[in-house]
Amino acid sequence: MFASVCRRPGWRPCLRVPIRCASSSSATKLHGTRQEAGTLVPARIAEVRHLAPLIKYFALHVPNTFTFRAGQWSDVYVFHDGNQANVAPANYMVGGFSMISSPQTARSGRVEFCIKRTNHPVTRHMHGLSCGDSVLIDGGHGDFYFSAERFPNVKAISLLCGGIGITPLLSIVRHVAELGDKMADVQVTLLHSARRPEELLFKSEIEQIVRTHPNIRVVWTITDASAFQEYEAQSIAASSGQRTPADSVDSRSGSDVGLDSLRTNREAVVPGRISFDLLNSLHLGSEGVHFVCGPPEMVKNLVRSLHSLGVADEQIQYEKWY
């Protein structure tokens, strides 16, 4: 799937379709088949929120023994008739989704997902659930993850994503932020691209993380030209008011600060896609580790751009989704 991951072929709703494999493997879940290895744990839905059209946030209560690494995914089992006692294959459906919560949060018995409704039956079923409903989950799965133990000497991390592809990268951002001083010397750059501003998921939370963690910066890109112009006009109008200390992060648009100066701003919003020029202007570092998640064509182009910047294949971790 990416430079250090392999999954056996299997359709993964919302995020996952194995594309390229190397080295280790992890279990695959197909619709109507059971997990080959791992333990199913009960999970009760504690919170549901609408984040955007077709996208919902789910917080699940789980046993505090449930563990995963930042960026991994979990298989979620939903039941046709609501009867968890009957786990015969004909009675349940399975979908794999990235966890957006940090591993530290799971230790307190809470796991979070952000799920986009598609034609896949599991996503449709999840969007019909409410607080108090139950599912089963297992995981974490996959080698698309960050941990300080895995990358003990890393000095720079870039997180590149499009749309719902932010989900595993949000887990990594939260994890790094919660590690605090242990990661203070590691420069983290998040680039999130979406068509419209309202599709930049968790923007307010990430902005707050940036404000309180000097080693983390974020660049948002808006691909719809008219939507960007509207956002820019609103930002200019808002900036004419009195600024507070909490507004100290520079949130001017790319047309104001220019791509060449973005590296000096810990937050910026720019028009268009995540391009080679944008990556080059940020000086991400050819010796860092780079995580990429998004639609296949986007991932292919970003990997090509990273290669052009001198990044070796073994430094790139990527996942493609449909």
C-alpha atoms as a PDB file:
ATOM      1  CA  MET A   1       0.000   0.000   0.000  1.00  0.00           C
ATOM      2  CA  PHE A   2       2.816   2.341   0.791  1.00  0.00           C
ATOM      3  CA  ALA A   3       6.530   2.205   1.263  1.00  0.00           C
ATOM      4  CA  SER A   4       6.455   0.020   4.377  1.00  0.00           C
ATOM      5  CA  VAL A   5       3.006  -1.521   4.380  1.00  0.00           C
ATOM      6  CA  CYS A   6       1.154  -4.424   2.876  1.00  0.00           C
ATOM      7  CA  ARG A   7      -2.481  -5.370   3.073  1.00  0.00           C
ATOM      8  CA  ARG A   8      -4.029  -8.254   1.255  1.00  0.00           C
ATOM      9  CA  PRO A   9      -6.440  -7.026  -1.426  1.00  0.00           C
ATOM     10  CA  GLY A  10      -9.754  -5.928   0.037  1.00  0.00           C
ATOM     11  CA  TRP A  11     -12.200  -3.056  -0.363  1.00  0.00           C
ATOM     12  CA  ARG A  12     -12.101  -0.605   2.500  1.00  0.00           C
ATOM     13  CA  PRO A  13     -14.990   1.863   2.762  1.00  0.00           C
ATOM     14  CA  CYS A  14     -14.242   5.593   2.790  1.00  0.00           C
ATOM     15  CA  LEU A  15     -10.508   5.359   3.065  1.00  0.00           C
ATOM     16  CA  ARG A  16      -8.851   2.131   2.194  1.00  0.00           C
ATOM     17  CA  VAL A  17      -8.103   0.283  -1.011  1.00  0.00           C
ATOM     18  CA  PRO A  18      -4.779  -1.567  -1.008  1.00  0.00           C
ATOM     19  CA  ILE A  19      -2.673  -0.370  -3.931  1.00  0.00           C
ATOM     20  CA  ARG A  20       0.975  -1.252  -3.335  1.00  0.00           C
ATOM     21  CA  CYS A  21       2.607  -3.620  -0.883  1.00  0.00           C
ATOM     22  CA  ALA A  22       6.030  -4.165   0.637  1.00  0.00           C
ATOM     23  CA  SER A  23       7.339  -5.895   3.773  1.00  0.00           C
ATOM     24  CA  SER A  24       4.894  -6.687   6.575  1.00  0.00           C
ATOM     25  CA  SER A  25       1.223  -7.619   6.291  1.00  0.00           C
ATOM     26  CA  SER A  26      -1.908  -7.064   8.312  1.00  0.00           C
ATOM     27  CA  ALA A  27      -5.269  -8.769   8.379  1.00  0.00           C
ATOM     28  CA  THR A  28      -7.832  -7.817   5.779  1.00  0.00           C
ATOM     29  CA  LYS A  29     -11.540  -7.542   6.266  1.00  0.00           C
ATOM     30  CA  LEU A  30     -13.919  -8.113   3.398  1.00  0.00           C
ATOM     31  CA  HIS A  31     -17.661  -7.576   3.611  1.00  0.00           C
ATOM     32  CA  GLY A  32     -19.123 -10.693   5.209  1.00  0.00           C
ATOM     33  CA  THR A  33     -15.884 -12.302   6.431  1.00  0.00           C
ATOM     34  CA  ARG A  34     -14.485 -12.482   9.946  1.00  0.00           C
ATOM     35  CA  GLN A  35     -11.230 -11.139  11.317  1.00  0.00           C
ATOM     36  CA  GLU A  36      -8.506 -13.751  10.965  1.00  0.00           C
ATOM     37  CA  ALA A  37      -6.635 -12.555  14.019  1.00  0.00           C
ATOM     38  CA  GLY A  38      -7.313 -10.137  16.812  1.00  0.00           C
ATOM     39  CA  THR A  39      -9.909  -9.752  19.510  1.00  0.00           C
ATOM     40  CA  LEU A  40     -13.303  -8.139  19.021  1.00  0.00           C
ATOM     41  CA  VAL A  41     -14.230  -5.682  21.734  1.00  0.00           C
ATOM     42  CA  PRO A  42     -17.642  -4.155  22.488  1.00  0.00           C
ATOM     43  CA  ALA A  43     -18.058  -0.449  21.794  1.00  0.00           C
ATOM     44  CA  ARG A  44     -21.000   1.777  22.675  1.00  0.00           C
ATOM     45  CA  ILE A  45     -21.661   5.021  20.834  1.00  0.00           C
ATOM     46  CA  ALA A  46     -21.313   7.921  23.288  1.00  0.00           C
ATOM     47  CA  GLU A  47     -21.521  10.890  20.925  1.00  0.00           C
ATOM     48  CA  VAL A  48     -22.559  11.613  17.332  1.00  0.00           C
ATOM     49  CA  ARG A  49     -22.116  14.934  15.533  1.00  0.00           C
ATOM     50  CA  HIS A  50     -22.611  16.201  11.990  1.00  0.00           C
ATOM     51  CA  LEU A  51     -19.348  17.711  10.739  1.00  0.00           C
ATOM     52  CA  ALA A  52     -20.205  18.335   7.094  1.00  0.00           C
ATOM     53  CA  PRO A  53     -22.640  17.056   4.477  1.00  0.00           C
ATOM     54  CA  LEU A  54     -22.264  13.247   4.431  1.00  0.00           C
ATOM     55  CA  ILE A  55     -19.681  13.268   7.271  1.00  0.00           C
ATOM     56  CA  LYS A  56     -20.342  12.359  10.904  1.00  0.00           C
ATOM     57  CA  TYR A  57     -18.182  12.204  14.016  1.00  0.00           C
ATOM     58  CA  PHE A  58     -18.549   9.201  16.333  1.00  0.00           C
ATOM     59  CA  ALA A  59     -17.127   8.792  19.842  1.00  0.00           C
ATOM     60  CA  LEU A  60     -17.229   5.250  21.206  1.00  0.00           C
ATOM     61  CA  HIS A  61     -16.790   3.944  24.730  1.00  0.00           C
ATOM     62  CA  VAL A  62     -14.403   0.979  24.651  1.00  0.00           C
ATOM     63  CA  PRO A  63     -12.516  -1.073  27.250  1.00  0.00           C
ATOM     64  CA  ASN A  64      -9.405   0.816  28.350  1.00  0.00           C
ATOM     65  CA  THR A  65      -7.356  -2.188  27.250  1.00  0.00           C
ATOM     66  CA  PHE A  66      -8.033  -1.339  23.580  1.00  0.00           C
ATOM     67  CA  THR A  67      -4.789  -0.125  22.003  1.00  0.00           C
ATOM     68  CA  PHE A  68      -3.581   1.193  18.654  1.00  0.00           C
ATOM     69  CA  ARG A  69      -0.913   3.445  17.175  1.00  0.00           C
ATOM     70  CA  ALA A  70      -1.528   6.956  15.857  1.00  0.00           C
ATOM     71  CA  GLY A  71      -2.692   6.663  12.248  1.00  0.00           C
ATOM     72  CA  GLN A  72      -3.945   3.068  12.346  1.00  0.00           C
ATOM     73  CA  TRP A  73      -7.416   1.857  11.398  1.00  0.00           C
ATOM     74  CA  SER A  74      -9.985  -0.334  13.114  1.00  0.00           C
ATOM     75  CA  ASP A  75     -12.533  -2.770  11.740  1.00  0.00           C
ATOM     76  CA  VAL A  76     -16.064  -1.878  12.821  1.00  0.00           C
ATOM     77  CA  TYR A  77     -18.694  -4.637  12.910  1.00  0.00           C
ATOM     78  CA  VAL A  78     -22.332  -3.598  12.517  1.00  0.00           C
ATOM     79  CA  PHE A  79     -25.258  -5.974  12.815  1.00  0.00           C
ATOM     80  CA  HIS A  80     -28.223  -6.345  10.520  1.00  0.00           C
ATOM     81  CA  ASP A  81     -30.670  -7.137  13.301  1.00  0.00           C
ATOM     82  CA  GLY A  82     -28.890  -5.493  16.236  1.00  0.00           C
ATOM     83  CA  ASN A  83     -28.163  -8.854  17.878  1.00  0.00           C
ATOM     84  CA  GLN A  84     -24.516  -8.851  18.915  1.00  0.00           C
ATOM     85  CA  ALA A  85     -24.798 -12.364  20.321  1.00  0.00           C
ATOM     86  CA  ASN A  86     -25.065 -13.766  16.806  1.00  0.00           C
ATOM     87  CA  VAL A  87     -21.787 -13.109  15.019  1.00  0.00           C
ATOM     88  CA  ALA A  88     -22.445 -15.501  12.165  1.00  0.00           C
ATOM     89  CA  PRO A  89     -21.122 -13.953   8.917  1.00  0.00           C
ATOM     90  CA  ALA A  90     -24.649 -13.612   7.525  1.00  0.00           C
ATOM     91  CA  ASN A  91     -25.594 -11.391  10.463  1.00  0.00           C
ATOM     92  CA  TYR A  92     -22.944  -8.669  10.334  1.00  0.00           C
ATOM     93  CA  MET A  93     -21.131  -6.288   8.001  1.00  0.00           C
ATOM     94  CA  VAL A  94     -17.596  -5.003   8.441  1.00  0.00           C
ATOM     95  CA  GLY A  95     -15.923  -1.755   7.464  1.00  0.00           C
ATOM     96  CA  GLY A  96     -12.451  -0.410   8.190  1.00  0.00           C
ATOM     97  CA  PHE A  97     -12.066   3.195   9.364  1.00  0.00           C
ATOM     98  CA  SER A  98      -9.144   5.265  10.607  1.00  0.00           C
ATOM     99  CA  MET A  99      -9.294   6.372  14.207  1.00  0.00           C
ATOM    100  CA  ILE A 100      -8.957  10.111  14.681  1.00  0.00           C
ATOM    101  CA  SER A 101      -8.330   9.907  18.416  1.00  0.00           C
ATOM    102  CA  SER A 102      -4.869   9.565  19.893  1.00  0.00           C
ATOM    103  CA  PRO A 103      -3.654   6.347  21.489  1.00  0.00           C
ATOM    104  CA  GLN A 104      -3.564   8.228  24.805  1.00  0.00           C
ATOM    105  CA  THR A 105      -7.322   8.885  24.567  1.00  0.00           C
ATOM    106  CA  ALA A 106      -8.023   5.190  24.076  1.00  0.00           C
ATOM    107  CA  ARG A 107      -6.440   4.472  27.447  1.00  0.00           C
ATOM    108  CA  SER A 108      -9.283   6.424  29.020  1.00  0.00           C
ATOM    109  CA  GLY A 109     -11.831   4.237  27.241  1.00  0.00           C
ATOM    110  CA  ARG A 110     -12.731   6.480  24.298  1.00  0.00           C
ATOM    111  CA  VAL A 111     -12.107   6.007  20.563  1.00  0.00           C
ATOM    112  CA  GLU A 112     -13.197   8.451  17.860  1.00  0.00           C
ATOM    113  CA  PHE A 113     -14.001   8.085  14.171  1.00  0.00           C
ATOM    114  CA  CYS A 114     -14.950  10.450  11.369  1.00  0.00           C
ATOM    115  CA  ILE A 115     -17.007   8.554   8.767  1.00  0.00           C
ATOM    116  CA  LYS A 116     -18.215   9.696   5.369  1.00  0.00           C
ATOM    117  CA  ARG A 117     -21.489   8.238   4.124  1.00  0.00           C
ATOM    118  CA  THR A 118     -21.022   6.470   0.786  1.00  0.00           C
ATOM    119  CA  ASN A 119     -22.809   3.706  -1.100  1.00  0.00           C
ATOM    120  CA  HIS A 120     -21.078   1.150   1.108  1.00  0.00           C
ATOM    121  CA  PRO A 121     -23.644  -0.448   3.463  1.00  0.00           C
ATOM    122  CA  VAL A 122     -21.470  -0.081   6.575  1.00  0.00           C
ATOM    123  CA  THR A 123     -21.167   3.684   6.199  1.00  0.00           C
ATOM    124  CA  ARG A 124     -24.919   3.969   5.639  1.00  0.00           C
ATOM    125  CA  HIS A 125     -25.572   1.820   8.724  1.00  0.00           C
ATOM    126  CA  MET A 126     -23.187   3.864  10.878  1.00  0.00           C
ATOM    127  CA  HIS A 127     -24.887   7.095   9.856  1.00  0.00           C
ATOM    128  CA  GLY A 128     -28.156   5.662  11.113  1.00  0.00           C
ATOM    129  CA  LEU A 129     -26.855   4.872  14.607  1.00  0.00           C
ATOM    130  CA  SER A 130     -27.422   7.002  17.711  1.00  0.00           C
ATOM    131  CA  CYS A 131     -25.977   7.395  21.190  1.00  0.00           C
ATOM    132  CA  GLY A 132     -26.360   4.172  23.141  1.00  0.00           C
ATOM    133  CA  ASP A 133     -26.179   1.894  20.090  1.00  0.00           C
ATOM    134  CA  SER A 134     -23.466  -0.759  20.074  1.00  0.00           C
ATOM    135  CA  VAL A 135     -20.968  -2.158  17.594  1.00  0.00           C
ATOM    136  CA  LEU A 136     -17.876  -4.347  17.818  1.00  0.00           C
ATOM    137  CA  ILE A 137     -14.406  -3.192  16.834  1.00  0.00           C
ATOM    138  CA  ASP A 138     -10.903  -4.584  16.599  1.00  0.00           C
ATOM    139  CA  GLY A 139      -7.493  -3.208  15.748  1.00  0.00           C
ATOM    140  CA  GLY A 140      -5.468  -1.213  15.430  1.00  0.00           C
ATOM    141  CA  HIS A 141      -4.372  -2.369  12.033  1.00  0.00           C
ATOM    142  CA  GLY A 142      -1.872  -1.314   9.421  1.00  0.00           C
ATOM    143  CA  ASP A 143       1.651   0.074   9.221  1.00  0.00           C
ATOM    144  CA  PHE A 144       0.519   3.599   8.350  1.00  0.00           C
ATOM    145  CA  TYR A 145       1.298   5.084  11.751  1.00  0.00           C
ATOM    146  CA  PHE A 146       3.697   7.281  13.661  1.00  0.00           C
ATOM    147  CA  SER A 147       5.334   6.559  16.976  1.00  0.00           C
ATOM    148  CA  ALA A 148       8.464   7.967  18.579  1.00  0.00           C
ATOM    149  CA  GLU A 149       9.778   4.414  18.903  1.00  0.00           C
ATOM    150  CA  ARG A 150       9.353   3.750  15.197  1.00  0.00           C
ATOM    151  CA  PHE A 151      11.070   7.000  14.165  1.00  0.00           C
ATOM    152  CA  PRO A 152      13.425   7.724  17.094  1.00  0.00           C
ATOM    153  CA  ASN A 153      15.695  10.174  15.259  1.00  0.00           C
ATOM    154  CA  VAL A 154      13.217  12.002  13.062  1.00  0.00           C
ATOM    155  CA  LYS A 155      13.442  15.801  13.070  1.00  0.00           C
ATOM    156  CA  ALA A 156      10.643  16.647  10.624  1.00  0.00           C
ATOM    157  CA  ILE A 157       7.223  15.138   9.884  1.00  0.00           C
ATOM    158  CA  SER A 158       4.980  16.227   7.039  1.00  0.00           C
ATOM    159  CA  LEU A 159       1.329  15.183   6.893  1.00  0.00           C
ATOM    160  CA  LEU A 160      -0.284  15.663   3.471  1.00  0.00           C
ATOM    161  CA  CYS A 161      -3.956  14.909   2.919  1.00  0.00           C
ATOM    162  CA  GLY A 162      -7.080  15.626   0.949  1.00  0.00           C
ATOM    163  CA  GLY A 163     -10.680  15.611   2.174  1.00  0.00           C
ATOM    164  CA  ILE A 164     -11.593  12.758   4.519  1.00  0.00           C
ATOM    165  CA  GLY A 165      -7.968  11.617   4.240  1.00  0.00           C
ATOM    166  CA  ILE A 166      -7.216  13.824   7.230  1.00  0.00           C
ATOM    167  CA  THR A 167      -8.567  11.174   9.603  1.00  0.00           C
ATOM    168  CA  PRO A 168      -5.385   9.142  10.280  1.00  0.00           C
ATOM    169  CA  LEU A 169      -3.274  12.299  10.205  1.00  0.00           C
ATOM    170  CA  LEU A 170      -5.437  13.990  12.827  1.00  0.00           C
ATOM    171  CA  SER A 171      -4.647  11.057  15.105  1.00  0.00           C
ATOM    172  CA  ILE A 172      -0.940  11.696  14.504  1.00  0.00           C
ATOM    173  CA  VAL A 173      -1.266  15.450  15.150  1.00  0.00           C
ATOM    174  CA  ARG A 174      -3.118  14.824  18.404  1.00  0.00           C
ATOM    175  CA  HIS A 175      -0.569  12.203  19.453  1.00  0.00           C
ATOM    176  CA  VAL A 176       2.391  14.503  18.784  1.00  0.00           C
ATOM    177  CA  ALA A 177       0.693  17.363  20.636  1.00  0.00           C
ATOM    178  CA  GLU A 178       0.004  15.167  23.648  1.00  0.00           C
ATOM    179  CA  LEU A 179       3.632  14.038  23.772  1.00  0.00           C
ATOM    180  CA  GLY A 180       4.484  17.683  24.440  1.00  0.00           C
ATOM    181  CA  ASP A 181       8.137  18.387  25.256  1.00  0.00           C
ATOM    182  CA  LYS A 182       9.173  14.919  24.073  1.00  0.00           C
ATOM    183  CA  MET A 183       8.464  16.096  20.497  1.00  0.00           C
ATOM    184  CA  ALA A 184       9.437  19.755  20.909  1.00  0.00           C
ATOM    185  CA  ASP A 185      12.448  19.400  18.598  1.00  0.00           C
ATOM    186  CA  VAL A 186      10.429  17.770  15.801  1.00  0.00           C
ATOM    187  CA  GLN A 187       8.937  20.120  13.192  1.00  0.00           C
ATOM    188  CA  VAL A 188       5.452  18.930  12.155  1.00  0.00           C
ATOM    189  CA  THR A 189       3.758  20.347   9.052  1.00  0.00           C
ATOM    190  CA  LEU A 190       0.153  19.488   8.177  1.00  0.00           C
ATOM    191  CA  LEU A 191      -1.241  20.294   4.727  1.00  0.00           C
ATOM    192  CA  HIS A 192      -4.949  19.642   4.250  1.00  0.00           C
ATOM    193  CA  SER A 193      -6.689  20.233   0.940  1.00  0.00           C
ATOM    194  CA  ALA A 194     -10.460  20.447   0.471  1.00  0.00           C
ATOM    195  CA  ARG A 195     -12.849  21.839  -2.103  1.00  0.00           C
ATOM    196  CA  ARG A 196     -14.555  24.308   0.235  1.00  0.00           C
ATOM    197  CA  PRO A 197     -13.659  25.843   3.628  1.00  0.00           C
ATOM    198  CA  GLU A 198     -16.411  23.948   5.464  1.00  0.00           C
ATOM    199  CA  GLU A 199     -14.781  20.693   4.339  1.00  0.00           C
ATOM    200  CA  LEU A 200     -11.572  21.509   6.236  1.00  0.00           C
ATOM    201  CA  LEU A 201     -12.470  19.182   9.083  1.00  0.00           C
ATOM    202  CA  PHE A 202     -11.383  19.941  12.664  1.00  0.00           C
ATOM    203  CA  LYS A 203      -9.903  23.271  11.574  1.00  0.00           C
ATOM    204  CA  SER A 204     -10.651  25.043  14.872  1.00  0.00           C
ATOM    205  CA  GLU A 205      -9.102  22.279  16.963  1.00  0.00           C
ATOM    206  CA  ILE A 206      -5.996  22.116  14.809  1.00  0.00           C
ATOM    207  CA  GLU A 207      -5.638  25.903  14.957  1.00  0.00           C
ATOM    208  CA  GLN A 208      -5.660  25.692  18.742  1.00  0.00           C
ATOM    209  CA  ILE A 209      -3.017  22.958  18.683  1.00  0.00           C
ATOM    210  CA  VAL A 210      -0.847  25.161  16.457  1.00  0.00           C
ATOM    211  CA  ARG A 211      -1.219  28.089  18.850  1.00  0.00           C
ATOM    212  CA  THR A 212      -0.033  26.048  21.818  1.00  0.00           C
ATOM    213  CA  HIS A 213       2.676  23.963  20.114  1.00  0.00           C
ATOM    214  CA  PRO A 214       5.403  26.018  18.385  1.00  0.00           C
ATOM    215  CA  ASN A 215       6.718  22.955  16.549  1.00  0.00           C
ATOM    216  CA  ILE A 216       3.445  22.383  14.661  1.00  0.00           C
ATOM    217  CA  ARG A 217       2.252  24.400  11.661  1.00  0.00           C
ATOM    218  CA  VAL A 218      -0.608  23.960   9.195  1.00  0.00           C
ATOM    219  CA  VAL A 219      -1.418  25.017   5.651  1.00  0.00           C
ATOM    220  CA  TRP A 220      -4.977  24.716   4.378  1.00  0.00           C
ATOM    221  CA  THR A 221      -5.707  24.718   0.649  1.00  0.00           C
ATOM    222  CA  ILE A 222      -9.104  25.422  -0.922  1.00  0.00           C
ATOM    223  CA  THR A 223      -9.475  24.102  -4.455  1.00  0.00           C
ATOM    224  CA  ASP A 224     -12.755  25.799  -5.413  1.00  0.00           C
ATOM    225  CA  ALA A 225     -11.747  29.249  -6.674  1.00  0.00           C
ATOM    226  CA  SER A 226     -15.028  31.004  -5.855  1.00  0.00           C
ATOM    227  CA  ALA A 227     -15.135  29.417  -2.403  1.00  0.00           C
ATOM    228  CA  PHE A 228     -11.605  30.636  -1.724  1.00  0.00           C
ATOM    229  CA  GLN A 229     -12.451  34.153  -2.836  1.00  0.00           C
ATOM    230  CA  GLU A 230     -15.435  34.176  -0.508  1.00  0.00           C
ATOM    231  CA  TYR A 231     -13.320  32.852   2.357  1.00  0.00           C
ATOM    232  CA  GLU A 232     -10.635  35.444   1.662  1.00  0.00           C
ATOM    233  CA  ALA A 233     -13.160  38.291   1.668  1.00  0.00           C
ATOM    234  CA  GLN A 234     -14.571  37.100   4.988  1.00  0.00           C
ATOM    235  CA  SER A 235     -11.070  36.785   6.462  1.00  0.00           C
ATOM    236  CA  ILE A 236     -10.145  40.313   5.409  1.00  0.00           C
ATOM    237  CA  ALA A 237     -13.354  41.654   6.912  1.00  0.00           C
ATOM    238  CA  ALA A 238     -12.741  39.781  10.155  1.00  0.00           C
ATOM    239  CA  SER A 239      -9.109  40.918  10.376  1.00  0.00           C
ATOM    240  CA  SER A 240     -10.199  44.549  10.287  1.00  0.00           C
ATOM    241  CA  GLY A 241     -11.559  44.098  13.813  1.00  0.00           C
ATOM    242  CA  GLN A 242      -9.506  44.105  16.988  1.00  0.00           C
ATOM    243  CA  ARG A 243      -7.184  41.105  17.290  1.00  0.00           C
ATOM    244  CA  THR A 244      -6.639  39.274  20.546  1.00  0.00           C
ATOM    245  CA  PRO A 245      -3.578  37.306  21.772  1.00  0.00           C
ATOM    246  CA  ALA A 246      -5.330  34.136  20.640  1.00  0.00           C
ATOM    247  CA  ASP A 247      -5.212  35.505  17.077  1.00  0.00           C
ATOM    248  CA  SER A 248      -1.425  35.726  17.062  1.00  0.00           C
ATOM    249  CA  VAL A 249      -1.132  32.877  14.564  1.00  0.00           C
ATOM    250  CA  ASP A 250      -0.962  34.362  11.063  1.00  0.00           C
ATOM    251  CA  SER A 251      -4.067  33.111   9.267  1.00  0.00           C
ATOM    252  CA  ARG A 252      -3.809  35.362   6.215  1.00  0.00           C
ATOM    253  CA  SER A 253      -4.445  33.695   2.891  1.00  0.00           C
ATOM    254  CA  GLY A 254      -1.754  32.562   0.515  1.00  0.00           C
ATOM    255  CA  SER A 255      -2.482  35.497  -1.799  1.00  0.00           C
ATOM    256  CA  ASP A 256      -1.524  37.821   1.095  1.00  0.00           C
ATOM    257  CA  VAL A 257       1.636  36.185   2.332  1.00  0.00           C
ATOM    258  CA  GLY A 258       2.809  34.423  -0.817  1.00  0.00           C
ATOM    259  CA  LEU A 259       4.032  30.849  -1.120  1.00  0.00           C
ATOM    260  CA  ASP A 260       7.654  31.793  -0.578  1.00  0.00           C
ATOM    261  CA  SER A 261       6.961  33.183   2.891  1.00  0.00           C
ATOM    262  CA  LEU A 262       4.611  30.459   4.094  1.00  0.00           C
ATOM    263  CA  ARG A 263       7.451  28.675   5.854  1.00  0.00           C
ATOM    264  CA  THR A 264       7.633  31.574   8.334  1.00  0.00           C
ATOM    265  CA  ASN A 265       3.910  31.380   9.185  1.00  0.00           C
ATOM    266  CA  ARG A 266       2.580  28.652  11.415  1.00  0.00           C
ATOM    267  CA  GLU A 267      -0.823  28.807   9.751  1.00  0.00           C
ATOM    268  CA  ALA A 268      -1.945  29.876   6.289  1.00  0.00           C
ATOM    269  CA  VAL A 269      -4.804  29.346   3.857  1.00  0.00           C
ATOM    270  CA  VAL A 270      -3.994  29.225   0.148  1.00  0.00           C
ATOM    271  CA  PRO A 271      -5.970  28.650  -3.049  1.00  0.00           C
ATOM    272  CA  GLY A 272      -5.584  25.579  -5.228  1.00  0.00           C
ATOM    273  CA  ARG A 273      -4.204  22.127  -4.583  1.00  0.00           C
ATOM    274  CA  ILE A 274      -1.152  20.953  -2.691  1.00  0.00           C
ATOM    275  CA  SER A 275       1.391  21.568  -5.423  1.00  0.00           C
ATOM    276  CA  PHE A 276       5.084  20.975  -5.964  1.00  0.00           C
ATOM    277  CA  ASP A 277       5.681  24.735  -5.573  1.00  0.00           C
ATOM    278  CA  LEU A 278       3.864  24.771  -2.247  1.00  0.00           C
ATOM    279  CA  LEU A 279       5.815  21.779  -0.945  1.00  0.00           C
ATOM    280  CA  ASN A 280       9.075  23.334  -2.152  1.00  0.00           C
ATOM    281  CA  SER A 281       8.312  26.658  -0.462  1.00  0.00           C
ATOM    282  CA  LEU A 282       7.803  24.958   2.892  1.00  0.00           C
ATOM    283  CA  HIS A 283      11.261  23.333   2.923  1.00  0.00           C
ATOM    284  CA  LEU A 284       9.868  20.163   4.458  1.00  0.00           C
ATOM    285  CA  GLY A 285      13.254  18.501   4.501  1.00  0.00           C
ATOM    286  CA  SER A 286      14.430  15.561   2.444  1.00  0.00           C
ATOM    287  CA  GLU A 287      15.451  13.703   5.598  1.00  0.00           C
ATOM    288  CA  GLY A 288      12.085  13.781   7.372  1.00  0.00           C
ATOM    289  CA  VAL A 289       9.230  11.301   7.228  1.00  0.00           C
ATOM    290  CA  HIS A 290       6.223  12.084   5.057  1.00  0.00           C
ATOM    291  CA  PHE A 291       2.691  10.705   5.489  1.00  0.00           C
ATOM    292  CA  VAL A 292       0.285  11.054   2.552  1.00  0.00           C
ATOM    293  CA  CYS A 293      -3.421  10.124   2.557  1.00  0.00           C
ATOM    294  CA  GLY A 294      -6.081  10.930  -0.031  1.00  0.00           C
ATOM    295  CA  PRO A 295      -7.570   9.950  -3.398  1.00  0.00           C
ATOM    296  CA  PRO A 296      -5.267   7.791  -5.563  1.00  0.00           C
ATOM    297  CA  GLU A 297      -4.472  10.483  -8.134  1.00  0.00           C
ATOM    298  CA  MET A 298      -3.656  13.009  -5.426  1.00  0.00           C
ATOM    299  CA  VAL A 299      -1.406  10.551  -3.608  1.00  0.00           C
ATOM    300  CA  LYS A 300       0.385   9.637  -6.829  1.00  0.00           C
ATOM    301  CA  ASN A 301       1.070  13.289  -7.641  1.00  0.00           C
ATOM    302  CA  LEU A 302       2.247  14.122  -4.119  1.00  0.00           C
ATOM    303  CA  VAL A 303       4.578  11.126  -3.990  1.00  0.00           C
ATOM    304  CA  ARG A 304       6.006  12.203  -7.342  1.00  0.00           C
ATOM    305  CA  SER A 305       6.511  15.738  -6.019  1.00  0.00           C
ATOM    306  CA  LEU A 306       8.245  14.457  -2.895  1.00  0.00           C
ATOM    307  CA  HIS A 307      10.570  12.370  -5.042  1.00  0.00           C
ATOM    308  CA  SER A 308      11.362  15.481  -7.085  1.00  0.00           C
ATOM    309  CA  LEU A 309      12.289  17.237  -3.851  1.00  0.00           C
ATOM    310  CA  GLY A 310      14.843  14.526  -3.079  1.00  0.00           C
ATOM    311  CA  VAL A 311      12.745  12.468  -0.669  1.00  0.00           C
ATOM    312  CA  ALA A 312      13.623   8.770  -0.766  1.00  0.00           C
ATOM    313  CA  ASP A 313      10.851   6.212  -1.173  1.00  0.00           C
ATOM    314  CA  GLU A 314      11.497   4.681   2.248  1.00  0.00           C
ATOM    315  CA  GLN A 315      10.739   8.058   3.852  1.00  0.00           C
ATOM    316  CA  ILE A 316       7.227   8.173   2.356  1.00  0.00           C
ATOM    317  CA  GLN A 317       4.260   6.479   3.997  1.00  0.00           C
ATOM    318  CA  TYR A 318       1.040   6.643   2.013  1.00  0.00           C
ATOM    319  CA  GLU A 319      -2.502   5.396   1.809  1.00  0.00           C
ATOM    320  CA  LYS A 320      -4.970   5.741  -1.050  1.00  0.00           C
ATOM    321  CA  TRP A 321      -8.725   5.813  -0.658  1.00  0.00           C
ATOM    322  CA  TYR A 322     -11.794   5.956  -2.883  1.00  0.00           C
END
